[in-house]
Protein backbone atom coordinates (compact mmCIF):
# COMPACT_ATOMS: atom_id res chain seq x y z
CA UNK A 1 -0.06 0.26 0.01
CA UNK A 2 1.74 3.19 -0.98
CA UNK A 3 1.98 6.07 1.44
CA UNK A 4 0.32 9.47 1.49
CA UNK A 5 3.81 10.75 0.19
CA UNK A 6 5.64 8.00 -1.61
CA UNK A 7 7.22 9.21 -4.55
CA UNK A 8 5.87 9.57 -7.90
CA UNK A 9 5.66 6.44 -10.30
CA UNK A 10 6.16 7.10 -14.14
CA UNK A 11 4.20 5.57 -17.02
CA UNK A 12 5.11 6.14 -19.88
CA UNK A 13 7.19 9.01 -18.97
CA UNK A 14 4.23 10.19 -16.93
CA UNK A 15 4.22 11.21 -13.11
CA UNK A 16 1.49 9.31 -11.57
CA UNK A 17 0.26 11.36 -9.27
CA UNK A 18 0.70 10.41 -4.56
CA UNK A 19 -2.19 10.04 -2.99
CA UNK A 20 -1.81 12.82 -1.23
CA UNK A 21 -1.43 15.01 -4.09
CA UNK A 22 -4.65 13.20 -5.76
CA UNK A 23 -6.67 14.04 -2.14
CA UNK A 24 -5.27 17.33 -2.80
CA UNK A 25 -7.09 17.66 -6.25
CA UNK A 26 -10.77 15.86 -5.73
CA UNK A 27 -10.95 17.10 -1.99
CA UNK A 28 -9.68 20.84 -4.39
CA UNK A 29 -12.71 20.86 -7.14
CA UNK A 30 -15.83 20.51 -4.22
CA UNK A 31 -16.18 24.41 -3.42
CA UNK A 32 -15.88 25.14 -6.89
CA UNK A 33 -19.28 22.64 -7.11
CA UNK A 34 -20.94 24.51 -4.47
CA UNK A 35 -20.67 28.17 -5.89
CA UNK A 36 -17.03 29.30 -5.43
CA UNK A 37 -14.89 30.69 -8.08
CA UNK A 38 -11.83 30.64 -6.49
CA UNK A 39 -10.03 28.48 -4.24
CA UNK A 40 -6.78 28.72 -2.80
CA UNK A 41 -5.38 25.57 -2.70
CA UNK A 42 -2.67 25.46 0.39
CA UNK A 43 -0.02 22.88 0.72
CA UNK A 44 3.37 22.90 2.36
CA UNK A 45 6.14 23.26 0.26
CA UNK A 46 7.96 19.95 -1.16
CA UNK A 47 4.22 18.51 -2.15
CA UNK A 48 5.01 18.53 -6.04
CA UNK A 49 2.09 21.74 -6.14
CA UNK A 50 3.12 21.81 -9.72
CA UNK A 51 2.49 18.91 -10.26
CA UNK A 52 -0.86 19.23 -9.08
CA UNK A 53 -1.47 21.54 -11.35
CA UNK A 54 -0.55 20.33 -14.46
CA UNK A 55 -2.95 17.67 -13.44
CA UNK A 56 -5.65 19.48 -12.72
CA UNK A 57 -5.24 21.71 -15.84
CA UNK A 58 -5.23 17.70 -17.89
CA UNK A 59 -8.83 17.50 -15.97
CA UNK A 60 -9.78 20.67 -17.48
CA UNK A 61 -8.62 20.01 -20.92
CA UNK A 62 -10.97 17.08 -21.47
CA UNK A 63 -13.73 19.31 -20.14
CA UNK A 64 -12.63 21.31 -22.91
CA UNK A 65 -11.65 24.27 -21.31
CA UNK A 66 -9.08 26.89 -21.68
CA UNK A 67 -6.10 27.62 -18.37
CA UNK A 68 -3.87 30.01 -17.96
CA UNK A 69 -0.93 29.58 -15.69
CA UNK A 70 0.31 32.91 -14.19
CA UNK A 71 3.76 31.57 -12.71
CA UNK A 72 5.92 33.97 -10.00
CA UNK A 73 8.50 34.44 -11.93
CA UNK A 74 10.04 34.80 -15.82
CA UNK A 75 12.17 31.42 -14.51
CA UNK A 76 9.14 29.12 -13.18
CA UNK A 77 8.05 29.50 -17.23
CA UNK A 78 10.10 26.80 -18.20
CA UNK A 79 9.78 24.61 -14.95
CA UNK A 80 5.89 24.80 -15.42
CA UNK A 81 6.20 23.88 -19.06
CA UNK A 82 7.99 20.70 -18.57
CA UNK A 83 5.95 19.49 -16.60
CA UNK A 84 2.45 20.06 -18.67
CA UNK A 85 4.99 18.51 -21.14
CA UNK A 86 5.21 15.24 -18.84
CA UNK A 87 1.52 15.33 -18.68
CA UNK A 88 1.36 15.33 -21.98
CA UNK A 89 0.13 18.71 -22.71
CA UNK A 90 1.88 21.65 -24.78
CA UNK A 91 1.75 24.61 -23.53
CA UNK A 92 2.14 28.50 -25.35
CA UNK A 93 4.75 30.36 -23.40
CA UNK A 94 4.01 34.17 -23.72
CA UNK A 95 8.06 35.85 -22.18
CA UNK A 96 9.36 38.46 -24.62
CA UNK A 97 11.45 37.52 -27.37
CA UNK A 98 9.61 33.95 -26.88
CA UNK A 99 7.24 31.73 -29.97
CA UNK A 100 4.24 31.66 -28.51
CA UNK A 101 2.07 29.70 -30.95
CA UNK A 102 -1.99 28.76 -30.24
CA UNK A 103 -3.02 26.08 -27.10
CA UNK A 104 -5.52 25.87 -24.80
CA UNK A 105 -2.78 26.46 -22.04
CA UNK A 106 -0.77 29.42 -21.93
CA UNK A 107 1.55 30.34 -19.60
CA UNK A 108 2.87 34.15 -18.04
CA UNK A 109 5.06 35.23 -15.40
CA UNK A 110 3.10 37.83 -13.58
CA UNK A 111 5.64 40.41 -14.58
CA UNK A 112 5.38 39.24 -18.20
CA UNK A 113 1.69 40.47 -17.71
CA UNK A 114 1.76 43.27 -15.79
CA UNK A 115 4.07 44.42 -18.54
CA UNK A 116 1.29 43.66 -21.25
CA UNK A 117 -0.77 46.08 -18.90
CA UNK A 118 1.43 48.82 -18.36
CA UNK A 119 2.17 48.49 -22.39
CA UNK A 120 -1.66 48.67 -23.09
CA UNK A 121 -2.07 44.98 -24.13
CA UNK A 122 -4.57 42.64 -23.04
CA UNK A 123 -2.81 39.55 -21.78
CA UNK A 124 -3.91 36.13 -22.24
CA UNK A 125 -6.80 34.81 -20.66
CA UNK A 126 -8.39 31.53 -20.18
CA UNK A 127 -11.07 29.51 -18.46
CA UNK A 128 -9.34 28.49 -15.43
CA UNK A 129 -6.17 30.69 -14.13
CA UNK A 130 -3.82 29.39 -11.45
CA UNK A 131 -1.98 31.41 -9.98
CA UNK A 132 1.41 30.04 -8.56
CA UNK A 133 2.51 31.61 -4.63
CA UNK A 134 -1.25 32.84 -5.28
CA UNK A 135 -0.21 34.84 -1.77
CA UNK A 136 2.49 37.07 -4.28
CA UNK A 137 0.04 38.05 -7.02
CA UNK A 138 0.60 41.63 -8.22
CA UNK A 139 -2.27 43.23 -6.96
CA UNK A 140 -2.84 45.08 -10.63
CA UNK A 141 -2.75 41.86 -12.39
CA UNK A 142 -5.59 40.32 -10.35
CA UNK A 143 -7.78 43.20 -10.42
CA UNK A 144 -7.48 43.09 -14.38
CA UNK A 145 -8.15 39.68 -14.24
CA UNK A 146 -11.19 39.87 -12.12
CA UNK A 147 -12.40 42.72 -13.98
CA UNK A 148 -12.38 41.58 -17.81
CA UNK A 149 -12.53 37.81 -17.01
CA UNK A 150 -15.10 37.96 -14.51
CA UNK A 151 -16.66 34.29 -15.55
CA UNK A 152 -13.01 32.79 -14.91
CA UNK A 153 -12.01 29.80 -12.50
CA UNK A 154 -9.04 30.56 -10.38
CA UNK A 155 -7.04 28.49 -8.26
CA UNK A 156 -4.85 29.85 -6.30
CA UNK A 157 -1.37 27.75 -4.99
CA UNK A 158 0.51 28.75 -2.28
CA UNK A 159 2.63 27.45 1.54
CA UNK A 160 1.26 30.06 2.88
CA UNK A 161 -2.62 32.04 2.15
CA UNK A 162 -1.81 35.45 3.40
CA UNK A 163 -0.13 37.86 1.34
CA UNK A 164 2.87 39.21 2.79
CA UNK A 165 2.16 42.47 4.18
CA UNK A 166 -0.55 40.37 6.24
CA UNK A 167 -3.79 41.59 4.66
CA UNK A 168 -6.36 38.28 3.60
CA UNK A 169 -6.66 36.60 0.46
CA UNK A 170 -10.55 36.89 0.90
CA UNK A 171 -11.31 38.93 -1.43
CA UNK A 172 -10.84 37.72 -4.18
CA UNK A 173 -10.70 33.96 -2.94
CA UNK A 174 -13.83 32.77 -1.34
CA UNK A 175 -12.56 29.14 -0.52
CA UNK A 176 -9.65 27.38 1.76
CA UNK A 177 -8.32 24.09 1.19
CA UNK A 178 -5.49 22.39 2.61
CA UNK A 179 -3.59 19.67 1.67
CA UNK A 180 -1.88 17.10 4.08
CA UNK A 181 0.31 18.85 7.57
CA UNK A 182 4.57 19.61 7.38
CA UNK A 183 4.44 16.38 10.16
CA UNK A 184 3.37 13.74 7.60
CA UNK A 185 5.56 15.15 4.63
CA UNK A 186 8.65 14.72 7.17
CA UNK A 187 7.40 10.61 8.51
CA UNK A 188 7.64 10.13 4.95
CA UNK A 189 10.89 11.35 4.30
CA UNK A 190 9.71 14.54 1.81
CA UNK A 191 11.01 16.83 4.00
CA UNK A 192 13.37 16.97 7.64
CA UNK A 193 13.30 18.47 10.52
CA UNK A 194 14.75 21.66 11.27
CA UNK A 195 17.18 22.62 14.64
CA UNK A 196 16.62 26.31 15.60
CA UNK A 197 18.87 28.27 17.13
CA UNK A 198 19.21 31.71 18.83
CA UNK A 199 20.47 33.95 21.58
CA UNK A 200 18.45 33.47 25.18
CA UNK A 201 17.27 37.00 25.70
CA UNK A 202 15.64 37.85 22.55
CA UNK A 203 13.70 34.62 22.64
CA UNK A 204 12.38 36.01 25.64
CA UNK A 205 11.85 39.90 24.24
CA UNK A 206 9.64 38.23 21.17
CA UNK A 207 7.66 36.66 24.28
CA UNK A 208 7.03 39.93 25.66
CA UNK A 209 5.33 40.68 22.15
CA UNK A 210 8.59 43.33 21.40
CA UNK A 211 9.57 44.24 17.61
CA UNK A 212 13.47 43.46 17.88
CA UNK A 213 16.19 43.84 15.72
CA UNK A 214 18.77 41.10 15.22
CA UNK A 215 20.71 40.30 17.32
CA UNK A 216 24.38 37.66 17.49
CA UNK A 217 27.57 37.93 15.39
CA UNK A 218 25.98 36.55 12.06
CA UNK A 219 29.58 34.73 11.20
CA UNK A 220 30.42 34.05 14.92
CA UNK A 221 27.09 31.75 15.08
CA UNK A 222 27.57 30.00 11.95
CA UNK A 223 30.52 28.86 12.90
CA UNK A 224 29.64 27.09 15.49
CA UNK A 225 26.49 25.77 14.21
CA UNK A 226 26.38 25.41 10.38
CA UNK A 227 30.35 26.08 9.73
CA UNK A 228 30.84 24.61 6.01
CA UNK A 229 27.01 23.93 5.23
CA UNK A 230 25.93 25.23 2.94
CA UNK A 231 23.30 28.30 3.62
CA UNK A 232 21.03 31.37 2.85
CA UNK A 233 20.74 34.36 4.48
CA UNK A 234 18.29 36.38 4.41
CA UNK A 235 18.71 40.49 5.03
CA UNK A 236 16.73 43.60 5.39
CA UNK A 237 18.02 45.88 2.39
CA UNK A 238 20.86 45.76 0.05
CA UNK A 239 23.36 47.30 2.01
CA UNK A 240 22.80 44.75 4.44
CA UNK A 241 23.20 42.02 2.61
CA UNK A 242 26.29 43.50 0.99
CA UNK A 243 27.65 43.60 4.01
CA UNK A 244 26.87 40.59 5.81
CA UNK A 245 28.65 38.48 3.04
CA UNK A 246 31.71 40.91 2.48
CA UNK A 247 32.09 39.93 6.34
CA UNK A 248 32.02 36.23 5.30
CA UNK A 249 34.63 36.91 2.72
CA UNK A 250 36.09 38.54 5.09
CA UNK A 251 36.59 35.50 7.63
CA UNK A 252 37.53 33.42 4.84
CA UNK A 253 34.29 31.98 4.07
CA UNK A 254 32.83 31.84 0.14
CA UNK A 255 30.08 34.26 0.43
CA UNK A 256 27.85 36.06 -2.27
CA UNK A 257 24.42 38.43 -2.41
CA UNK A 258 21.69 38.85 -5.12
CA UNK A 259 18.79 40.73 -4.85
CA UNK A 260 15.83 41.62 -7.36
CA UNK A 261 18.37 43.13 -9.42
CA UNK A 262 20.59 40.35 -10.07
CA UNK A 263 19.99 38.72 -13.91
CA UNK A 264 18.69 35.54 -14.35
CA UNK A 265 21.69 34.22 -15.66
CA UNK A 266 23.73 35.67 -13.04
CA UNK A 267 21.21 34.43 -10.17
CA UNK A 268 21.55 30.90 -11.95
CA UNK A 269 25.03 30.70 -12.05
CA UNK A 270 24.94 32.16 -8.51
CA UNK A 271 22.68 29.05 -7.60
CA UNK A 272 24.70 26.36 -9.21
CA UNK A 273 28.07 27.98 -7.37
CA UNK A 274 25.78 27.11 -4.63
CA UNK A 275 25.36 23.37 -5.37
CA UNK A 276 29.03 22.33 -6.34
CA UNK A 277 29.89 23.38 -3.49
CA UNK A 278 32.48 26.47 -4.24
CA UNK A 279 30.24 29.10 -2.89
CA UNK A 280 28.96 28.19 0.90
CA UNK A 281 26.88 31.37 1.30
CA UNK A 282 23.67 32.92 -0.13
CA UNK A 283 22.82 36.13 0.94
CA UNK A 284 19.45 38.00 -0.53
CA UNK A 285 16.92 40.29 -0.15
CA UNK A 286 13.22 39.62 -0.89
CA UNK A 287 14.32 36.64 -4.03
CA UNK A 288 14.96 33.74 -2.07
CA UNK A 289 11.38 33.99 0.40
CA UNK A 290 9.57 31.89 -1.89
CA UNK A 291 9.89 29.98 -5.96
CA UNK A 292 13.22 29.03 -5.13
CA UNK A 293 13.78 25.41 -5.45
CA UNK A 294 17.29 24.64 -3.64
CA UNK A 295 16.88 21.25 -1.35
CA UNK A 296 20.85 20.66 -1.18
CA UNK A 297 21.05 24.31 0.99
CA UNK A 298 20.90 23.02 5.00
CA UNK A 299 20.98 26.79 6.91
CA UNK A 300 19.13 29.77 6.81
CA UNK A 301 20.30 32.72 8.95
CA UNK A 302 17.34 35.36 9.56
CA UNK A 303 19.27 38.67 10.15
CA UNK A 304 16.12 40.68 9.34
CA UNK A 305 13.70 41.58 11.11
CA UNK A 306 10.90 38.67 10.90
CA UNK A 307 7.84 40.09 12.41
CA UNK A 308 5.47 37.61 9.55
CA UNK A 309 4.00 33.83 9.74
CA UNK A 310 4.68 33.60 6.29
CA UNK A 311 8.01 35.01 5.75
CA UNK A 312 9.02 32.97 8.86
CA UNK A 313 7.26 29.41 7.22
CA UNK A 314 8.55 30.84 4.01
CA UNK A 315 12.67 31.04 5.00
CA UNK A 316 13.19 27.95 6.88
CA UNK A 317 10.99 26.19 3.87
CA UNK A 318 14.04 26.46 1.86
CA UNK A 319 16.01 24.10 4.34
CA UNK A 320 13.73 21.59 4.99
CA UNK A 321 13.44 19.83 1.58
CA UNK A 322 14.88 16.53 2.21
CA UNK A 323 18.97 16.49 0.03
CA UNK A 324 21.37 12.92 -0.17
CA UNK A 325 23.19 13.16 3.13
CA UNK A 326 21.07 15.95 4.69
CA UNK A 327 19.81 15.12 7.92
CA UNK A 328 18.47 18.23 9.20
CA UNK A 329 17.36 21.74 8.72
CA UNK A 330 19.27 24.23 10.95
CA UNK A 331 17.99 27.74 11.05
CA UNK A 332 19.75 30.17 13.10
CA UNK A 333 17.03 32.78 14.09
CA UNK A 334 18.86 35.93 14.75
CA UNK A 335 15.20 37.89 15.30
CA UNK A 336 13.76 34.79 17.96
CA UNK A 337 11.05 34.92 15.89
CA UNK A 338 10.47 30.91 16.20
CA UNK A 339 9.51 32.49 20.45
CA UNK A 340 6.32 33.89 18.69
CA UNK A 341 5.60 32.11 15.71
CA UNK A 342 7.06 28.28 16.60
CA UNK A 343 9.32 26.01 16.25
CA UNK A 344 8.43 25.64 11.93
CA UNK A 345 8.68 22.52 11.79
CA UNK A 346 5.40 21.80 13.42
CA UNK A 347 2.20 21.80 12.02
CA UNK A 348 0.22 24.55 11.08
CA UNK A 349 -3.33 25.39 10.16
CA UNK A 350 -4.83 27.77 8.06
CA UNK A 351 -8.33 29.92 7.98
CA UNK A 352 -9.02 32.41 4.79
CA UNK A 353 -7.63 35.27 7.16
CA UNK A 354 -5.60 38.05 7.47
CA UNK A 355 -2.33 37.60 9.33
CA UNK A 356 -3.23 37.97 12.93
CA UNK A 357 -5.58 35.42 12.75
CA UNK A 358 -3.99 32.94 11.36
CA UNK A 359 -0.96 33.92 14.08
CA UNK A 360 -3.53 33.42 16.44
CA UNK A 361 -4.99 30.49 15.72
CA UNK A 362 -1.01 29.17 15.50
CA UNK A 363 -0.28 30.42 19.01
CA UNK A 364 1.62 27.90 20.61
CA UNK A 365 0.22 26.48 23.50
CA UNK A 366 1.38 27.97 27.43
CA UNK A 367 2.85 23.70 27.69
CA UNK A 368 3.90 24.08 24.21
CA UNK A 369 6.22 27.52 23.61
CA UNK A 370 9.59 27.60 22.81
CA UNK A 371 12.42 27.86 25.04
CA UNK A 372 16.57 28.36 24.61
CA UNK A 373 18.71 26.40 26.44
CA UNK A 374 20.85 28.58 28.39
CA UNK A 375 23.77 26.22 27.43
CA UNK A 376 23.84 25.80 24.94
CA UNK A 377 21.10 28.22 22.12
CA UNK A 378 18.82 25.37 20.88
CA UNK A 379 15.50 26.24 20.54
CA UNK A 380 12.67 23.29 21.68
CA UNK A 381 9.40 22.98 22.94
CA UNK A 382 7.89 20.26 25.24
CA UNK A 383 11.25 18.41 26.99
CA UNK A 384 12.56 18.59 30.34
CA UNK A 385 15.68 18.77 29.19
CA UNK A 386 17.81 19.95 26.13
CA UNK A 387 17.52 17.32 23.21
CA UNK A 388 21.29 18.94 21.77
CA UNK A 389 22.95 18.90 25.18
CA UNK A 390 21.09 18.04 27.86
CA UNK A 391 21.00 20.34 29.87
CA UNK A 392 17.83 20.64 32.35
CA UNK A 393 15.61 23.29 32.27
CA UNK A 394 14.80 24.77 35.97
CA UNK A 395 12.04 23.83 37.84
CA UNK A 396 9.98 26.72 37.19
CA UNK A 397 10.50 25.96 33.65
CA UNK A 398 9.45 22.41 34.00
CA UNK A 399 6.37 23.23 36.38
CA UNK A 400 5.33 25.90 33.26
CA UNK A 401 5.63 22.08 30.91
CA UNK A 402 3.60 19.78 33.43
CA UNK A 403 2.26 21.62 35.91
CA UNK A 404 2.79 21.78 39.81
CA UNK A 405 5.27 19.40 40.61
CA UNK A 406 6.86 20.24 44.51
CA UNK A 407 10.15 19.06 44.01
CA UNK A 408 13.34 19.45 43.17
CA UNK A 409 14.18 15.79 40.88
CA UNK A 410 13.70 16.28 37.06
CA UNK A 411 11.28 12.82 37.71
CA UNK A 412 9.59 14.39 40.39
CA UNK A 413 5.49 13.35 40.53
CA UNK A 414 5.70 13.14 37.20
CA UNK A 415 2.59 10.13 36.23
CA UNK A 416 1.48 8.57 32.94
CA UNK A 417 2.78 9.71 30.00
CA UNK A 418 4.91 12.57 30.93
CA UNK A 419 6.95 10.16 33.34
CA UNK A 420 7.17 7.90 30.11
CA UNK A 421 8.45 10.60 28.12
CA UNK A 422 10.89 12.19 30.79
CA UNK A 423 12.37 8.52 31.59
CA UNK A 424 13.41 8.14 28.05
CA UNK A 425 14.32 11.72 27.58
CA UNK A 426 17.03 10.89 31.25
CA UNK A 427 18.31 7.04 29.01
CA UNK A 428 19.04 8.47 26.48
CA UNK A 429 21.34 11.14 28.11
CA UNK A 430 22.88 8.46 30.61
CA UNK A 431 23.97 6.49 27.39
CA UNK A 432 25.00 8.76 25.62
CA UNK A 433 27.43 10.58 28.64
CA UNK A 434 28.74 7.36 28.83
CA UNK A 435 29.18 6.79 25.31
CA UNK A 436 31.49 9.70 25.33
CA UNK A 437 33.12 9.38 28.86
CA UNK A 438 34.06 5.63 26.98
CA UNK A 439 35.54 7.03 24.06
CA UNK A 440 37.68 9.45 26.22
CA UNK A 441 39.18 6.49 28.10
CA UNK A 442 38.97 3.85 24.75
CA UNK A 443 36.40 1.36 26.49
CA UNK A 444 34.99 -1.20 24.57
CA UNK A 445 31.29 -0.84 24.25
CA UNK A 446 30.53 -3.69 27.01
CA UNK A 447 32.37 -1.52 29.28
CA UNK A 448 29.82 1.76 27.96
CA UNK A 449 27.06 -0.77 28.71
CA UNK A 450 27.81 -1.52 32.60
CA UNK A 451 28.87 1.81 33.44
CA UNK A 452 24.79 2.49 32.01
CA UNK A 453 23.60 -0.31 33.36
CA UNK A 454 24.58 0.14 36.85
CA UNK A 455 23.12 4.12 37.17
CA UNK A 456 20.18 3.06 35.31
CA UNK A 457 19.21 -0.07 36.67
CA UNK A 458 18.47 -2.09 33.42
CA UNK A 459 20.46 -2.57 30.46
CA UNK A 460 20.16 -0.64 28.03
CA UNK A 461 19.30 -3.04 25.68
CA UNK A 462 16.03 -3.06 27.75
CA UNK A 463 15.74 0.52 28.89
CA UNK A 464 13.97 1.40 25.34
CA UNK A 465 16.29 2.94 24.11
CA UNK A 466 15.84 5.38 20.76
CA UNK A 467 19.24 4.91 19.26
CA UNK A 468 21.32 2.03 17.45
CA UNK A 469 22.35 -0.72 19.94
CA UNK A 470 25.70 -3.35 19.03
CA UNK A 471 23.82 -7.14 18.44
CA UNK A 472 25.78 -10.16 19.68
CA UNK A 473 28.83 -10.05 21.94
CA UNK A 474 31.06 -9.77 18.60
CA UNK A 475 29.55 -6.20 18.30
CA UNK A 476 29.77 -5.39 22.64
CA UNK A 477 33.50 -5.84 21.87
CA UNK A 478 34.09 -3.48 19.37
CA UNK A 479 36.11 -0.08 20.19
CA UNK A 480 33.78 2.93 21.04
CA UNK A 481 35.57 5.31 18.88
CA UNK A 482 34.86 2.72 15.94
CA UNK A 483 31.67 2.64 16.87
CA UNK A 484 30.72 6.17 17.03
CA UNK A 485 32.57 6.54 13.68
CA UNK A 486 30.37 3.64 12.17
CA UNK A 487 26.85 5.57 13.20
CA UNK A 488 28.23 8.43 12.12
CA UNK A 489 29.23 7.29 8.56
């Protein structure tokens, strides 16, 4: 039985949709049957919205309808044309300098259509308008289609159905349909989890509702948490981005800057240098928030004010796609946004309202608010101790997670599932402790097991540890150094 997010199979070069994609395609049609003409189809990054849009186009063609795809940027026209071609659909590109032929399916960028309107040229139309990244659609373009093609149906695709300025997508959209959540995609291995780090002080200030400027040394934080990993930096303006890139280069780290004025050819060359490892850090202003698929990126560095839920989710989405050798993403949250909007790999629920309404809807509950580890800077939630370094939270912080404990110990007066969770956390920290003591002392794995058993009163193979363990007498005789190297490879 195929899972929700099993990789698409191919049938003679044609994609076969994943069950989650088919589910969105089927449920997305329902509001139209109930009278809506313009519907937002929301799905997390990595879900394959382009493939769903192509399948939707195929269904529309079978009904004798014409379709116009309006993509976010000119460079995405070819991507959409290629996906449509895999479905056997030859679409006409509407782009300056490109031949366009008469076809029931056309594809244009929002900038091309905006330029046509400015020059007094009538843009292409369709019975169905499919908007890529509909939350950033140009108002002038939307208004023209509303006024001049009132009978057209719209489908807007996005991961974050709120405008960048915080306004609602209603109007013009009348209904919202959401795909399966981020957690399902992580469980299926299509997205990866994200580790977040930030200065503790800025997190406390964000919790109080302050609007803060980014803090911390960007290069020092990167060298501490993400050294040599492919990184995208989100800066506030061009001057800041250029300055940050310069600081990285001064520290001996290859870094480049790009913004809206960077030509497409140069932008593609920069991305290729990032993919090949020639450039480690990409500093950008506004051009890598959405519509960019660079799955090899591991680290996202927020070096600008991040007071928008949309910006927070979209920026983190750049490092959540899986890639060979990539265990997880890393976010260096210099703005403390995680403390207001929650951890990026949790599930967000959406309504067709403004940003304030969606922030309230997704506000972390009191027992799920992120905290920053004072020892290592890791940001986490719903755990009594840091999952990175094992430092136990203060009594006051632990009490906020599970209520009054009236004691000093990490397990005092915790019961049921909470006690079981805390005990598992404690045992895994204990195992890690003796594993690294064993490495320092030149032990074999059997000696680590003996030390663990002595303190935990249970052998490691009976402790329910969620870690790899040796199997058989021969493996337990493995030197600890060799075992750690083997598991890391």
